[in-house]
Amino acid sequence: MAYCNKCPYCGANLDPGEHCNCKEEAAEEQSSVVKIEYQFQEKQNVG
């Protein structure tokens, strides 16, 4: 009988031994948003 684990954060079904990377992806996405906002602010301050 097969079984799977569930990620407590995002609810993804994981195979035995598999680790979810949802937190890492969320942190990377947040970092990208911060970089874009900073670049936008820098462009606004130039002119």
C-alpha atoms as a PDB file:
ATOM      1  CA  MET A   1       0.000   0.000   0.000  1.00  0.00           C
ATOM      2  CA  ALA A   2       1.429   3.392  -0.996  1.00  0.00           C
ATOM      3  CA  TYR A   3       1.419   6.353   1.309  1.00  0.00           C
ATOM      4  CA  CYS A   4       2.412   9.979   1.060  1.00  0.00           C
ATOM      5  CA  ASN A   5       3.211  12.794   3.412  1.00  0.00           C
ATOM      6  CA  LYS A   6       1.558  16.186   3.327  1.00  0.00           C
ATOM      7  CA  CYS A   7       3.417  19.489   3.631  1.00  0.00           C
ATOM      8  CA  PRO A   8       2.098  21.280   6.730  1.00  0.00           C
ATOM      9  CA  TYR A   9       2.575  24.690   5.084  1.00  0.00           C
ATOM     10  CA  CYS A  10       1.139  24.344   1.576  1.00  0.00           C
ATOM     11  CA  GLY A  11      -0.656  20.996   1.689  1.00  0.00           C
ATOM     12  CA  ALA A  12       1.308  19.433  -1.179  1.00  0.00           C
ATOM     13  CA  ASN A  13       1.343  15.639  -1.332  1.00  0.00           C
ATOM     14  CA  LEU A  14       4.919  14.410  -0.982  1.00  0.00           C
ATOM     15  CA  ASP A  15       6.459  11.044  -1.708  1.00  0.00           C
ATOM     16  CA  PRO A  16       8.244   9.305   1.148  1.00  0.00           C
ATOM     17  CA  GLY A  17      11.570  11.053   1.694  1.00  0.00           C
ATOM     18  CA  GLU A  18      10.630  14.021  -0.509  1.00  0.00           C
ATOM     19  CA  HIS A  19      10.911  17.495   0.976  1.00  0.00           C
ATOM     20  CA  CYS A  20       8.733  20.421  -0.026  1.00  0.00           C
ATOM     21  CA  ASN A  21      10.443  23.608  -1.154  1.00  0.00           C
ATOM     22  CA  CYS A  22       7.406  25.889  -0.848  1.00  0.00           C
ATOM     23  CA  LYS A  23       9.051  28.073   1.812  1.00  0.00           C
ATOM     24  CA  GLU A  24      12.198  28.475  -0.272  1.00  0.00           C
ATOM     25  CA  GLU A  25      10.159  29.406  -3.355  1.00  0.00           C
ATOM     26  CA  ALA A  26       8.133  31.923  -1.358  1.00  0.00           C
ATOM     27  CA  ALA A  27      11.306  33.528   0.029  1.00  0.00           C
ATOM     28  CA  GLU A  28      12.829  33.700  -3.466  1.00  0.00           C
ATOM     29  CA  GLU A  29       9.667  35.260  -4.873  1.00  0.00           C
ATOM     30  CA  GLN A  30       9.554  37.828  -2.062  1.00  0.00           C
ATOM     31  CA  SER A  31      13.211  38.675  -2.721  1.00  0.00           C
ATOM     32  CA  SER A  32      12.450  39.256  -6.401  1.00  0.00           C
ATOM     33  CA  VAL A  33       9.557  41.577  -5.555  1.00  0.00           C
ATOM     34  CA  VAL A  34      11.748  43.618  -3.216  1.00  0.00           C
ATOM     35  CA  LYS A  35      14.437  43.943  -5.903  1.00  0.00           C
ATOM     36  CA  ILE A  36      11.897  45.130  -8.491  1.00  0.00           C
ATOM     37  CA  GLU A  37      10.417  47.678  -6.072  1.00  0.00           C
ATOM     38  CA  TYR A  38      13.889  48.991  -5.237  1.00  0.00           C
ATOM     39  CA  GLN A  39      14.781  49.336  -8.916  1.00  0.00           C
ATOM     40  CA  PHE A  40      11.507  51.188  -9.554  1.00  0.00           C
ATOM     41  CA  GLN A  41      12.232  53.605  -6.713  1.00  0.00           C
ATOM     42  CA  GLU A  42      15.750  54.228  -8.024  1.00  0.00           C
ATOM     43  CA  LYS A  43      14.362  55.084 -11.489  1.00  0.00           C
ATOM     44  CA  GLN A  44      11.859  57.475  -9.921  1.00  0.00           C
ATOM     45  CA  ASN A  45      14.644  59.285  -8.003  1.00  0.00           C
ATOM     46  CA  VAL A  46      16.891  59.744 -11.076  1.00  0.00           C
ATOM     47  CA  GLY A  47      14.900  62.394 -12.917  1.00  0.00           C
END
